[in-house]
Amino acid sequence: MKQYIKGLSVPILWEALFIISCVVLPKKYYIYTNFLFYFGIILFFIQKGSFSLNELKTNIVAGKKFWLPVALTILGLILAFAISYLPEIFFPNLNEGTIGLKRDTWLTLILFSISTIIFPPLAEELFYRKAIINFQSKKILFITTIISMILYALEHSLSWYGILMTMIWAIPFSISYIRTKNIYIPMTAHFIVNLIGNGSSVIITAIHFLR
């Protein structure tokens, strides 16, 4: 357990610095700090050997065994999104507190594309799921899963509603990883959802720039 805690000290400190930066820096810098946060997390876990491109390729061509749980994870995410936004129907003034990423130049649009489509599936699944969720016992599994959801939420929002909302988003990812013990399943589902959701935003913004 000491080795487990020691292994998480660097990424947790990195997240703490990122959260502090969101409090003290003007919002126009969020696009840069968000990019650096993800980049640092990815570098840390890649150098630890937590990610293998060959393993990802093997999973992708595995057929139904891989893609069925990916599809179920995506369905779970759609349900989680729907549930998380239900309170806003009754309380429209709720503050999500999510970190807005300004994209008013081609540079910031490129950074936005990378840090909302490519980076999150890698950084968040390697950190919040694979590194934090511990299978040592059922009790430890439960506690570390809750911790992973809280840290995931704090990286997205600093308001109570935003934290609750993003913790709900984390549930399908956590269940997917716990049931399959295969990080590439929630990682792939995460990428597909981000590609559809944020990819459409990138295309709309690029069209606006071209005009």
N, C-alpha and C. Protein backbone atom coordinates (compact mmCIF):
# COMPACT_ATOMS: atom_id res chain seq x y z
N MET A 1 0.83 -1.21 0.00
CA MET A 1 0.00 0.00 0.00
C MET A 1 0.87 1.27 0.00
N LYS A 2 2.03 1.20 0.70
CA LYS A 2 2.93 2.37 0.71
C LYS A 2 3.42 2.68 -0.69
N GLN A 3 3.74 1.62 -1.44
CA GLN A 3 4.20 1.79 -2.81
C GLN A 3 3.09 2.37 -3.68
N TYR A 4 1.87 1.94 -3.40
CA TYR A 4 0.69 2.43 -4.14
C TYR A 4 0.53 3.94 -3.91
N ILE A 5 0.59 4.36 -2.66
CA ILE A 5 0.44 5.78 -2.32
C ILE A 5 1.59 6.61 -2.90
N LYS A 6 2.79 6.07 -2.79
CA LYS A 6 3.97 6.78 -3.32
C LYS A 6 3.86 6.97 -4.83
N GLY A 7 3.31 5.96 -5.51
CA GLY A 7 3.18 6.03 -6.95
C GLY A 7 2.18 7.07 -7.42
N LEU A 8 1.27 7.47 -6.51
CA LEU A 8 0.24 8.45 -6.87
C LEU A 8 0.61 9.87 -6.43
N SER A 9 1.68 10.03 -5.69
CA SER A 9 2.02 11.33 -5.13
C SER A 9 2.29 12.38 -6.21
N VAL A 10 3.02 12.01 -7.24
CA VAL A 10 3.36 12.97 -8.30
C VAL A 10 2.12 13.41 -9.09
N PRO A 11 1.29 12.49 -9.63
CA PRO A 11 0.12 12.95 -10.37
C PRO A 11 -0.90 13.71 -9.52
N ILE A 12 -1.04 13.33 -8.24
CA ILE A 12 -1.96 14.05 -7.37
C ILE A 12 -1.45 15.47 -7.11
N LEU A 13 -0.14 15.60 -6.90
CA LEU A 13 0.44 16.94 -6.72
C LEU A 13 0.27 17.76 -8.00
N TRP A 14 0.46 17.12 -9.14
CA TRP A 14 0.29 17.80 -10.43
C TRP A 14 -1.14 18.30 -10.60
N GLU A 15 -2.11 17.48 -10.17
CA GLU A 15 -3.51 17.91 -10.24
C GLU A 15 -3.77 19.06 -9.28
N ALA A 16 -3.18 19.01 -8.08
CA ALA A 16 -3.36 20.08 -7.11
C ALA A 16 -2.85 21.41 -7.67
N LEU A 17 -1.70 21.36 -8.34
CA LEU A 17 -1.15 22.57 -8.96
C LEU A 17 -2.07 23.08 -10.07
N PHE A 18 -2.65 22.16 -10.82
CA PHE A 18 -3.58 22.55 -11.88
C PHE A 18 -4.81 23.23 -11.31
N ILE A 19 -5.36 22.67 -10.23
CA ILE A 19 -6.55 23.25 -9.59
C ILE A 19 -6.23 24.65 -9.05
N ILE A 20 -5.07 24.78 -8.43
CA ILE A 20 -4.66 26.09 -7.91
C ILE A 20 -4.53 27.09 -9.06
N SER A 21 -3.99 26.65 -10.18
CA SER A 21 -3.82 27.54 -11.33
C SER A 21 -5.17 28.03 -11.84
N CYS A 22 -6.19 27.18 -11.75
CA CYS A 22 -7.53 27.56 -12.19
C CYS A 22 -8.16 28.59 -11.27
N VAL A 23 -7.69 28.63 -10.03
CA VAL A 23 -8.22 29.59 -9.06
C VAL A 23 -7.51 30.94 -9.18
N VAL A 24 -6.21 30.91 -9.42
CA VAL A 24 -5.42 32.15 -9.38
C VAL A 24 -5.18 32.79 -10.74
N LEU A 25 -5.26 32.01 -11.82
CA LEU A 25 -4.97 32.57 -13.15
C LEU A 25 -6.24 33.03 -13.85
N PRO A 26 -6.14 34.02 -14.72
CA PRO A 26 -7.29 34.45 -15.52
C PRO A 26 -7.78 33.30 -16.42
N LYS A 27 -9.06 33.31 -16.75
CA LYS A 27 -9.66 32.22 -17.53
C LYS A 27 -9.03 32.05 -18.91
N LYS A 28 -8.46 33.11 -19.45
CA LYS A 28 -7.88 33.01 -20.79
C LYS A 28 -6.68 32.06 -20.84
N TYR A 29 -6.11 31.74 -19.67
CA TYR A 29 -4.96 30.84 -19.62
C TYR A 29 -5.36 29.38 -19.41
N TYR A 30 -6.64 29.10 -19.16
CA TYR A 30 -7.07 27.74 -18.89
C TYR A 30 -6.75 26.78 -20.03
N ILE A 31 -6.87 27.27 -21.26
CA ILE A 31 -6.61 26.42 -22.42
C ILE A 31 -5.17 25.90 -22.41
N TYR A 32 -4.26 26.70 -21.87
CA TYR A 32 -2.85 26.32 -21.82
C TYR A 32 -2.55 25.42 -20.61
N THR A 33 -3.09 25.80 -19.46
CA THR A 33 -2.83 25.00 -18.26
C THR A 33 -3.51 23.64 -18.35
N ASN A 34 -4.68 23.59 -18.97
CA ASN A 34 -5.38 22.32 -19.16
C ASN A 34 -4.57 21.38 -20.06
N PHE A 35 -4.02 21.95 -21.13
CA PHE A 35 -3.18 21.17 -22.04
C PHE A 35 -1.95 20.63 -21.31
N LEU A 36 -1.29 21.49 -20.52
CA LEU A 36 -0.09 21.08 -19.79
C LEU A 36 -0.40 20.03 -18.73
N PHE A 37 -1.56 20.16 -18.09
CA PHE A 37 -1.94 19.16 -17.07
C PHE A 37 -2.04 17.77 -17.70
N TYR A 38 -2.80 17.67 -18.78
CA TYR A 38 -2.97 16.37 -19.45
C TYR A 38 -1.64 15.84 -19.99
N PHE A 39 -0.86 16.74 -20.60
CA PHE A 39 0.41 16.33 -21.18
C PHE A 39 1.34 15.75 -20.10
N GLY A 40 1.39 16.41 -18.95
CA GLY A 40 2.22 15.93 -17.85
C GLY A 40 1.77 14.58 -17.33
N ILE A 41 0.46 14.40 -17.17
CA ILE A 41 -0.09 13.13 -16.69
C ILE A 41 0.23 12.00 -17.67
N ILE A 42 0.04 12.26 -18.95
CA ILE A 42 0.31 11.23 -19.97
C ILE A 42 1.79 10.84 -19.97
N LEU A 43 2.68 11.82 -19.93
CA LEU A 43 4.11 11.53 -19.90
C LEU A 43 4.49 10.69 -18.69
N PHE A 44 3.91 11.04 -17.53
CA PHE A 44 4.22 10.32 -16.29
C PHE A 44 3.86 8.84 -16.40
N PHE A 45 2.65 8.56 -16.89
CA PHE A 45 2.20 7.17 -16.92
C PHE A 45 2.78 6.38 -18.09
N ILE A 46 3.11 7.05 -19.17
CA ILE A 46 3.77 6.35 -20.28
C ILE A 46 5.17 5.90 -19.87
N GLN A 47 5.89 6.80 -19.16
CA GLN A 47 7.24 6.41 -18.73
C GLN A 47 7.21 5.32 -17.66
N LYS A 48 6.06 5.17 -17.00
CA LYS A 48 5.89 4.08 -16.03
C LYS A 48 5.47 2.77 -16.69
N GLY A 49 5.19 2.84 -17.98
CA GLY A 49 4.79 1.63 -18.71
C GLY A 49 3.32 1.28 -18.55
N SER A 50 2.49 2.28 -18.21
CA SER A 50 1.07 2.02 -17.98
C SER A 50 0.26 1.94 -19.26
N PHE A 51 0.87 2.36 -20.37
CA PHE A 51 0.17 2.34 -21.64
C PHE A 51 1.02 1.67 -22.70
N SER A 52 0.36 0.83 -23.52
CA SER A 52 1.05 0.15 -24.60
C SER A 52 0.24 0.29 -25.88
N LEU A 53 0.85 0.88 -26.89
CA LEU A 53 0.18 1.04 -28.18
C LEU A 53 -0.12 -0.32 -28.80
N ASN A 54 0.77 -1.27 -28.61
CA ASN A 54 0.55 -2.61 -29.15
C ASN A 54 -0.64 -3.29 -28.48
N GLU A 55 -0.78 -3.11 -27.17
CA GLU A 55 -1.92 -3.68 -26.46
C GLU A 55 -3.23 -3.05 -26.93
N LEU A 56 -3.19 -1.75 -27.18
CA LEU A 56 -4.38 -1.06 -27.69
C LEU A 56 -4.76 -1.63 -29.05
N LYS A 57 -3.79 -1.81 -29.94
CA LYS A 57 -4.06 -2.36 -31.26
C LYS A 57 -4.63 -3.77 -31.17
N THR A 58 -4.07 -4.58 -30.27
CA THR A 58 -4.56 -5.95 -30.08
C THR A 58 -6.02 -5.96 -29.63
N ASN A 59 -6.36 -5.03 -28.73
CA ASN A 59 -7.74 -4.94 -28.26
C ASN A 59 -8.69 -4.49 -29.37
N ILE A 60 -8.24 -3.53 -30.16
CA ILE A 60 -9.10 -2.98 -31.22
C ILE A 60 -9.50 -4.04 -32.24
N VAL A 61 -8.59 -4.96 -32.53
CA VAL A 61 -8.88 -6.01 -33.52
C VAL A 61 -9.44 -7.28 -32.88
N ALA A 62 -9.75 -7.22 -31.58
CA ALA A 62 -10.23 -8.42 -30.87
C ALA A 62 -11.69 -8.74 -31.17
N GLY A 63 -12.39 -7.81 -31.84
CA GLY A 63 -13.76 -8.08 -32.22
C GLY A 63 -14.77 -7.84 -31.11
N LYS A 64 -15.81 -8.66 -31.09
CA LYS A 64 -16.94 -8.50 -30.18
C LYS A 64 -16.52 -8.48 -28.72
N LYS A 65 -15.52 -9.26 -28.37
CA LYS A 65 -15.05 -9.34 -26.98
C LYS A 65 -14.63 -7.98 -26.46
N PHE A 66 -14.12 -7.14 -27.34
CA PHE A 66 -13.68 -5.80 -26.95
C PHE A 66 -14.76 -4.76 -27.21
N TRP A 67 -15.36 -4.79 -28.38
CA TRP A 67 -16.26 -3.72 -28.79
C TRP A 67 -17.62 -3.74 -28.11
N LEU A 68 -18.06 -4.92 -27.67
CA LEU A 68 -19.34 -4.98 -26.95
C LEU A 68 -19.26 -4.22 -25.63
N PRO A 69 -18.25 -4.48 -24.76
CA PRO A 69 -18.15 -3.68 -23.53
C PRO A 69 -17.89 -2.20 -23.80
N VAL A 70 -17.21 -1.88 -24.91
CA VAL A 70 -17.01 -0.48 -25.28
C VAL A 70 -18.37 0.16 -25.56
N ALA A 71 -19.20 -0.53 -26.33
CA ALA A 71 -20.54 -0.01 -26.65
C ALA A 71 -21.40 0.13 -25.40
N LEU A 72 -21.32 -0.83 -24.49
CA LEU A 72 -22.09 -0.76 -23.24
C LEU A 72 -21.61 0.40 -22.38
N THR A 73 -20.31 0.66 -22.38
CA THR A 73 -19.76 1.80 -21.64
C THR A 73 -20.28 3.11 -22.21
N ILE A 74 -20.34 3.21 -23.53
CA ILE A 74 -20.86 4.42 -24.18
C ILE A 74 -22.33 4.62 -23.82
N LEU A 75 -23.10 3.56 -23.83
CA LEU A 75 -24.51 3.66 -23.44
C LEU A 75 -24.64 4.11 -21.99
N GLY A 76 -23.76 3.59 -21.14
CA GLY A 76 -23.75 4.01 -19.74
C GLY A 76 -23.42 5.48 -19.59
N LEU A 77 -22.50 5.96 -20.44
CA LEU A 77 -22.13 7.39 -20.41
C LEU A 77 -23.29 8.28 -20.84
N ILE A 78 -24.00 7.85 -21.87
CA ILE A 78 -25.16 8.62 -22.33
C ILE A 78 -26.19 8.74 -21.21
N LEU A 79 -26.44 7.62 -20.51
CA LEU A 79 -27.37 7.63 -19.39
C LEU A 79 -26.85 8.51 -18.26
N ALA A 80 -25.54 8.45 -17.99
CA ALA A 80 -24.95 9.26 -16.92
C ALA A 80 -25.07 10.75 -17.24
N PHE A 81 -24.83 11.12 -18.49
CA PHE A 81 -24.98 12.52 -18.90
C PHE A 81 -26.42 13.00 -18.69
N ALA A 82 -27.37 12.16 -19.09
CA ALA A 82 -28.78 12.52 -18.97
C ALA A 82 -29.16 12.72 -17.50
N ILE A 83 -28.72 11.82 -16.64
CA ILE A 83 -29.04 11.91 -15.21
C ILE A 83 -28.37 13.13 -14.58
N SER A 84 -27.13 13.39 -14.96
CA SER A 84 -26.37 14.49 -14.35
C SER A 84 -26.98 15.86 -14.64
N TYR A 85 -27.68 15.97 -15.77
CA TYR A 85 -28.26 17.27 -16.14
C TYR A 85 -29.72 17.41 -15.71
N LEU A 86 -30.30 16.39 -15.12
CA LEU A 86 -31.69 16.45 -14.67
C LEU A 86 -31.97 17.59 -13.69
N PRO A 87 -31.09 17.84 -12.70
CA PRO A 87 -31.36 18.93 -11.74
C PRO A 87 -31.53 20.29 -12.41
N GLU A 88 -30.89 20.50 -13.57
CA GLU A 88 -30.98 21.79 -14.24
C GLU A 88 -32.36 22.05 -14.83
N ILE A 89 -33.14 20.98 -15.00
CA ILE A 89 -34.53 21.15 -15.47
C ILE A 89 -35.35 21.89 -14.42
N PHE A 90 -35.10 21.56 -13.16
CA PHE A 90 -35.85 22.16 -12.06
C PHE A 90 -35.15 23.38 -11.47
N PHE A 91 -33.81 23.40 -11.58
CA PHE A 91 -33.02 24.51 -11.04
C PHE A 91 -32.08 25.02 -12.14
N PRO A 92 -32.59 25.80 -13.08
CA PRO A 92 -31.80 26.24 -14.24
C PRO A 92 -30.61 27.14 -13.90
N ASN A 93 -30.57 27.69 -12.72
CA ASN A 93 -29.48 28.60 -12.34
C ASN A 93 -28.33 27.90 -11.62
N LEU A 94 -28.35 26.59 -11.61
CA LEU A 94 -27.27 25.86 -10.96
C LEU A 94 -25.93 26.15 -11.65
N ASN A 95 -24.90 26.29 -10.83
CA ASN A 95 -23.58 26.60 -11.37
C ASN A 95 -22.77 25.32 -11.56
N GLU A 96 -22.49 24.98 -12.82
CA GLU A 96 -21.71 23.77 -13.10
C GLU A 96 -20.26 23.94 -12.69
N GLY A 97 -19.76 25.16 -12.74
CA GLY A 97 -18.39 25.44 -12.32
C GLY A 97 -17.33 24.77 -13.16
N THR A 98 -17.70 24.31 -14.35
CA THR A 98 -16.73 23.63 -15.19
C THR A 98 -15.73 24.62 -15.78
N ILE A 99 -14.55 24.11 -16.10
CA ILE A 99 -13.47 24.94 -16.62
C ILE A 99 -13.70 25.20 -18.10
N GLY A 100 -13.97 26.44 -18.45
CA GLY A 100 -14.19 26.80 -19.85
C GLY A 100 -12.87 27.00 -20.58
N LEU A 101 -12.78 26.48 -21.78
CA LEU A 101 -11.55 26.58 -22.57
C LEU A 101 -11.81 27.51 -23.76
N LYS A 102 -11.24 28.70 -23.69
CA LYS A 102 -11.46 29.70 -24.74
C LYS A 102 -10.67 29.33 -25.99
N ARG A 103 -11.34 29.38 -27.13
CA ARG A 103 -10.71 29.04 -28.40
C ARG A 103 -11.07 30.11 -29.43
N ASP A 104 -10.29 31.17 -29.46
CA ASP A 104 -10.57 32.29 -30.34
C ASP A 104 -9.49 32.50 -31.39
N THR A 105 -8.52 31.58 -31.45
CA THR A 105 -7.47 31.62 -32.48
C THR A 105 -7.26 30.18 -32.96
N TRP A 106 -6.54 30.05 -34.09
CA TRP A 106 -6.26 28.70 -34.59
C TRP A 106 -5.39 27.91 -33.61
N LEU A 107 -4.47 28.60 -32.93
CA LEU A 107 -3.62 27.92 -31.95
C LEU A 107 -4.45 27.35 -30.81
N THR A 108 -5.33 28.18 -30.23
CA THR A 108 -6.14 27.70 -29.11
C THR A 108 -7.13 26.63 -29.56
N LEU A 109 -7.58 26.70 -30.82
CA LEU A 109 -8.48 25.66 -31.34
C LEU A 109 -7.74 24.33 -31.45
N ILE A 110 -6.49 24.37 -31.89
CA ILE A 110 -5.67 23.15 -31.98
C ILE A 110 -5.44 22.57 -30.59
N LEU A 111 -5.10 23.44 -29.63
CA LEU A 111 -4.90 22.99 -28.25
C LEU A 111 -6.19 22.41 -27.69
N PHE A 112 -7.31 23.08 -28.00
CA PHE A 112 -8.62 22.59 -27.55
C PHE A 112 -8.90 21.20 -28.12
N SER A 113 -8.61 21.01 -29.39
CA SER A 113 -8.85 19.72 -30.04
C SER A 113 -8.06 18.60 -29.36
N ILE A 114 -6.78 18.87 -29.13
CA ILE A 114 -5.92 17.86 -28.52
C ILE A 114 -6.32 17.58 -27.08
N SER A 115 -6.60 18.66 -26.32
CA SER A 115 -6.83 18.50 -24.88
C SER A 115 -8.28 18.18 -24.53
N THR A 116 -9.16 18.03 -25.53
CA THR A 116 -10.53 17.59 -25.23
C THR A 116 -10.91 16.31 -25.98
N ILE A 117 -10.12 15.92 -26.97
CA ILE A 117 -10.43 14.71 -27.73
C ILE A 117 -9.39 13.61 -27.51
N ILE A 118 -8.12 13.95 -27.67
CA ILE A 118 -7.05 12.94 -27.61
C ILE A 118 -6.52 12.72 -26.20
N PHE A 119 -6.21 13.81 -25.51
CA PHE A 119 -5.56 13.69 -24.20
C PHE A 119 -6.43 13.10 -23.09
N PRO A 120 -7.69 13.54 -22.91
CA PRO A 120 -8.48 13.04 -21.77
C PRO A 120 -8.63 11.52 -21.68
N PRO A 121 -8.94 10.81 -22.79
CA PRO A 121 -9.05 9.35 -22.66
C PRO A 121 -7.78 8.70 -22.15
N LEU A 122 -6.63 9.23 -22.56
CA LEU A 122 -5.35 8.68 -22.10
C LEU A 122 -5.08 9.07 -20.65
N ALA A 123 -5.05 10.36 -20.39
CA ALA A 123 -4.68 10.86 -19.06
C ALA A 123 -5.67 10.41 -17.98
N GLU A 124 -6.94 10.60 -18.23
CA GLU A 124 -7.93 10.33 -17.19
C GLU A 124 -8.11 8.85 -16.91
N GLU A 125 -8.06 8.01 -17.94
CA GLU A 125 -8.23 6.57 -17.69
C GLU A 125 -6.98 5.97 -17.05
N LEU A 126 -5.81 6.43 -17.46
CA LEU A 126 -4.58 5.91 -16.85
C LEU A 126 -4.44 6.36 -15.41
N PHE A 127 -4.85 7.59 -15.12
CA PHE A 127 -4.72 8.14 -13.76
C PHE A 127 -5.88 7.74 -12.87
N TYR A 128 -7.08 8.20 -13.21
CA TYR A 128 -8.23 8.04 -12.31
C TYR A 128 -8.75 6.61 -12.22
N ARG A 129 -8.57 5.83 -13.26
CA ARG A 129 -9.03 4.46 -13.19
C ARG A 129 -7.87 3.48 -12.93
N LYS A 130 -6.95 3.35 -13.87
CA LYS A 130 -5.92 2.30 -13.74
C LYS A 130 -5.00 2.51 -12.55
N ALA A 131 -4.57 3.75 -12.31
CA ALA A 131 -3.60 3.99 -11.24
C ALA A 131 -4.24 4.03 -9.86
N ILE A 132 -5.44 4.59 -9.76
CA ILE A 132 -6.06 4.80 -8.45
C ILE A 132 -6.90 3.62 -7.98
N ILE A 133 -7.72 3.06 -8.85
CA ILE A 133 -8.59 1.95 -8.44
C ILE A 133 -7.74 0.73 -8.11
N ASN A 134 -7.90 0.26 -6.87
CA ASN A 134 -7.06 -0.82 -6.34
C ASN A 134 -7.93 -2.03 -6.00
N PHE A 135 -7.53 -3.21 -6.49
CA PHE A 135 -8.33 -4.43 -6.35
C PHE A 135 -7.89 -5.30 -5.17
N GLN A 136 -7.13 -4.74 -4.24
CA GLN A 136 -6.56 -5.52 -3.15
C GLN A 136 -7.64 -6.22 -2.31
N SER A 137 -8.73 -5.52 -2.06
CA SER A 137 -9.87 -6.10 -1.35
C SER A 137 -11.12 -5.34 -1.75
N LYS A 138 -12.30 -5.86 -1.41
CA LYS A 138 -13.54 -5.18 -1.79
C LYS A 138 -13.65 -3.81 -1.13
N LYS A 139 -13.21 -3.74 0.12
CA LYS A 139 -13.26 -2.46 0.84
C LYS A 139 -12.34 -1.43 0.20
N ILE A 140 -11.11 -1.85 -0.10
CA ILE A 140 -10.15 -0.94 -0.73
C ILE A 140 -10.61 -0.57 -2.13
N LEU A 141 -11.21 -1.54 -2.82
CA LEU A 141 -11.73 -1.27 -4.16
C LEU A 141 -12.79 -0.17 -4.11
N PHE A 142 -13.70 -0.27 -3.15
CA PHE A 142 -14.77 0.73 -3.01
C PHE A 142 -14.20 2.10 -2.67
N ILE A 143 -13.29 2.14 -1.69
CA ILE A 143 -12.71 3.41 -1.24
C ILE A 143 -11.92 4.08 -2.36
N THR A 144 -11.07 3.31 -3.03
CA THR A 144 -10.24 3.90 -4.09
C THR A 144 -11.07 4.32 -5.30
N THR A 145 -12.17 3.62 -5.54
CA THR A 145 -13.06 4.03 -6.64
C THR A 145 -13.70 5.37 -6.34
N ILE A 146 -14.16 5.57 -5.10
CA ILE A 146 -14.75 6.85 -4.70
C ILE A 146 -13.71 7.96 -4.78
N ILE A 147 -12.49 7.67 -4.33
CA ILE A 147 -11.41 8.67 -4.40
C ILE A 147 -11.14 9.04 -5.86
N SER A 148 -11.11 8.04 -6.72
CA SER A 148 -10.84 8.30 -8.14
C SER A 148 -11.93 9.18 -8.75
N MET A 149 -13.18 8.95 -8.35
CA MET A 149 -14.30 9.75 -8.86
C MET A 149 -14.22 11.19 -8.37
N ILE A 150 -13.82 11.36 -7.11
CA ILE A 150 -13.71 12.72 -6.54
C ILE A 150 -12.58 13.50 -7.23
N LEU A 151 -11.42 12.86 -7.40
CA LEU A 151 -10.30 13.53 -8.06
C LEU A 151 -10.63 13.85 -9.52
N TYR A 152 -11.32 12.94 -10.17
CA TYR A 152 -11.77 13.17 -11.55
C TYR A 152 -12.69 14.37 -11.60
N ALA A 153 -13.60 14.47 -10.63
CA ALA A 153 -14.56 15.59 -10.59
C ALA A 153 -13.86 16.91 -10.30
N LEU A 154 -12.91 16.90 -9.38
CA LEU A 154 -12.21 18.14 -9.02
C LEU A 154 -11.37 18.68 -10.18
N GLU A 155 -10.97 17.78 -11.07
CA GLU A 155 -10.21 18.22 -12.24
C GLU A 155 -11.11 18.94 -13.25
N HIS A 156 -12.42 18.70 -13.15
CA HIS A 156 -13.36 19.29 -14.10
C HIS A 156 -14.11 20.50 -13.54
N SER A 157 -14.34 20.52 -12.24
CA SER A 157 -15.19 21.56 -11.68
C SER A 157 -14.84 21.82 -10.21
N LEU A 158 -15.17 23.05 -9.75
CA LEU A 158 -14.93 23.40 -8.35
C LEU A 158 -16.22 23.81 -7.65
N SER A 159 -17.37 23.64 -8.29
CA SER A 159 -18.66 23.92 -7.65
C SER A 159 -19.26 22.59 -7.17
N TRP A 160 -20.09 22.65 -6.14
CA TRP A 160 -20.64 21.40 -5.59
C TRP A 160 -21.46 20.65 -6.62
N TYR A 161 -22.25 21.39 -7.41
CA TYR A 161 -23.06 20.72 -8.43
C TYR A 161 -22.18 20.15 -9.54
N GLY A 162 -21.18 20.90 -9.96
CA GLY A 162 -20.28 20.42 -10.99
C GLY A 162 -19.52 19.17 -10.55
N ILE A 163 -19.12 19.13 -9.28
CA ILE A 163 -18.42 17.95 -8.75
C ILE A 163 -19.35 16.74 -8.75
N LEU A 164 -20.59 16.94 -8.30
CA LEU A 164 -21.56 15.83 -8.30
C LEU A 164 -21.83 15.37 -9.73
N MET A 165 -21.98 16.31 -10.63
CA MET A 165 -22.28 16.01 -12.03
C MET A 165 -21.17 15.17 -12.66
N THR A 166 -19.92 15.58 -12.46
CA THR A 166 -18.82 14.86 -13.08
C THR A 166 -18.50 13.54 -12.37
N MET A 167 -18.85 13.44 -11.10
CA MET A 167 -18.72 12.14 -10.43
C MET A 167 -19.68 11.14 -11.05
N ILE A 168 -20.85 11.59 -11.45
CA ILE A 168 -21.81 10.72 -12.13
C ILE A 168 -21.24 10.27 -13.48
N TRP A 169 -20.55 11.20 -14.18
CA TRP A 169 -19.93 10.82 -15.45
C TRP A 169 -18.88 9.73 -15.26
N ALA A 170 -18.23 9.74 -14.10
CA ALA A 170 -17.14 8.79 -13.84
C ALA A 170 -17.65 7.37 -13.59
N ILE A 171 -18.92 7.24 -13.22
CA ILE A 171 -19.46 5.93 -12.85
C ILE A 171 -19.33 4.89 -13.98
N PRO A 172 -19.77 5.20 -15.21
CA PRO A 172 -19.65 4.19 -16.28
C PRO A 172 -18.20 3.80 -16.56
N PHE A 173 -17.29 4.76 -16.53
CA PHE A 173 -15.88 4.46 -16.74
C PHE A 173 -15.36 3.52 -15.65
N SER A 174 -15.72 3.82 -14.40
CA SER A 174 -15.25 3.02 -13.27
C SER A 174 -15.81 1.60 -13.33
N ILE A 175 -17.10 1.48 -13.59
CA ILE A 175 -17.73 0.15 -13.69
C ILE A 175 -17.10 -0.65 -14.82
N SER A 176 -16.88 0.01 -15.95
CA SER A 176 -16.29 -0.67 -17.10
C SER A 176 -14.91 -1.22 -16.77
N TYR A 177 -14.10 -0.42 -16.10
CA TYR A 177 -12.75 -0.88 -15.75
C TYR A 177 -12.79 -1.96 -14.68
N ILE A 178 -13.62 -1.80 -13.67
CA ILE A 178 -13.69 -2.78 -12.59
C ILE A 178 -14.17 -4.14 -13.09
N ARG A 179 -15.16 -4.14 -13.97
CA ARG A 179 -15.72 -5.40 -14.46
C ARG A 179 -14.80 -6.11 -15.45
N THR A 180 -14.09 -5.34 -16.27
CA THR A 180 -13.26 -5.95 -17.31
C THR A 180 -11.78 -6.01 -16.95
N LYS A 181 -11.37 -5.13 -16.02
CA LYS A 181 -9.94 -4.99 -15.68
C LYS A 181 -9.09 -4.70 -16.92
N ASN A 182 -9.73 -4.11 -17.90
CA ASN A 182 -9.06 -3.77 -19.16
C ASN A 182 -9.22 -2.28 -19.39
N ILE A 183 -8.16 -1.51 -19.16
CA ILE A 183 -8.25 -0.05 -19.21
C ILE A 183 -8.53 0.45 -20.62
N TYR A 184 -8.24 -0.37 -21.63
CA TYR A 184 -8.43 0.08 -23.01
C TYR A 184 -9.91 0.13 -23.41
N ILE A 185 -10.77 -0.53 -22.65
CA ILE A 185 -12.21 -0.48 -22.93
C ILE A 185 -12.79 0.88 -22.55
N PRO A 186 -12.67 1.34 -21.29
CA PRO A 186 -13.16 2.70 -20.99
C PRO A 186 -12.38 3.77 -21.74
N MET A 187 -11.12 3.53 -22.02
CA MET A 187 -10.31 4.50 -22.76
C MET A 187 -10.87 4.70 -24.17
N THR A 188 -11.21 3.62 -24.83
CA THR A 188 -11.76 3.70 -26.19
C THR A 188 -13.14 4.34 -26.18
N ALA A 189 -13.98 3.95 -25.22
CA ALA A 189 -15.32 4.55 -25.11
C ALA A 189 -15.20 6.04 -24.84
N HIS A 190 -14.27 6.41 -24.00
CA HIS A 190 -14.02 7.81 -23.66
C HIS A 190 -13.63 8.60 -24.91
N PHE A 191 -12.74 8.02 -25.72
CA PHE A 191 -12.30 8.70 -26.94
C PHE A 191 -13.45 8.89 -27.92
N ILE A 192 -14.26 7.87 -28.10
CA ILE A 192 -15.37 7.95 -29.05
C ILE A 192 -16.36 9.04 -28.64
N VAL A 193 -16.71 9.07 -27.35
CA VAL A 193 -17.65 10.08 -26.86
C VAL A 193 -17.07 11.48 -27.01
N ASN A 194 -15.79 11.65 -26.67
CA ASN A 194 -15.15 12.96 -26.81
C ASN A 194 -15.03 13.38 -28.27
N LEU A 195 -14.75 12.41 -29.14
CA LEU A 195 -14.61 12.71 -30.57
C LEU A 195 -15.93 13.23 -31.13
N ILE A 196 -17.03 12.60 -30.74
CA ILE A 196 -18.34 13.03 -31.23
C ILE A 196 -18.74 14.36 -30.62
N GLY A 197 -18.62 14.47 -29.29
CA GLY A 197 -19.05 15.68 -28.59
C GLY A 197 -18.19 16.89 -28.86
N ASN A 198 -16.90 16.77 -28.57
CA ASN A 198 -15.99 17.91 -28.74
C ASN A 198 -15.54 18.08 -30.19
N GLY A 199 -15.53 16.98 -30.94
CA GLY A 199 -15.16 17.08 -32.35
C GLY A 199 -16.13 17.95 -33.13
N SER A 200 -17.41 17.84 -32.81
CA SER A 200 -18.40 18.68 -33.49
C SER A 200 -18.18 20.15 -33.15
N SER A 201 -17.79 20.44 -31.91
CA SER A 201 -17.50 21.81 -31.50
C SER A 201 -16.30 22.36 -32.24
N VAL A 202 -15.29 21.52 -32.44
CA VAL A 202 -14.09 21.93 -33.18
C VAL A 202 -14.45 22.26 -34.62
N ILE A 203 -15.25 21.43 -35.26
CA ILE A 203 -15.64 21.65 -36.65
C ILE A 203 -16.44 22.95 -36.79
N ILE A 204 -17.38 23.17 -35.88
CA ILE A 204 -18.20 24.39 -35.93
C ILE A 204 -17.34 25.64 -35.77
N THR A 205 -16.38 25.58 -34.82
CA THR A 205 -15.49 26.72 -34.59
C THR A 205 -14.59 26.96 -35.80
N ALA A 206 -14.08 25.89 -36.41
CA ALA A 206 -13.21 26.02 -37.58
C ALA A 206 -13.97 26.64 -38.74
N ILE A 207 -15.21 26.23 -38.95
CA ILE A 207 -16.04 26.81 -40.00
C ILE A 207 -16.25 28.30 -39.76
N HIS A 208 -16.46 28.64 -38.47
CA HIS A 208 -16.64 30.07 -38.11
C HIS A 208 -15.38 30.87 -38.43
N PHE A 209 -14.18 30.30 -38.15
CA PHE A 209 -12.93 30.98 -38.45
C PHE A 209 -12.76 31.19 -39.96
N LEU A 210 -13.10 30.17 -40.73
CA LEU A 210 -12.93 30.22 -42.19
C LEU A 210 -13.82 31.27 -42.83
N ARG A 211 -14.93 31.55 -42.18
CA ARG A 211 -15.83 32.58 -42.70
C ARG A 211 -15.32 33.97 -42.42
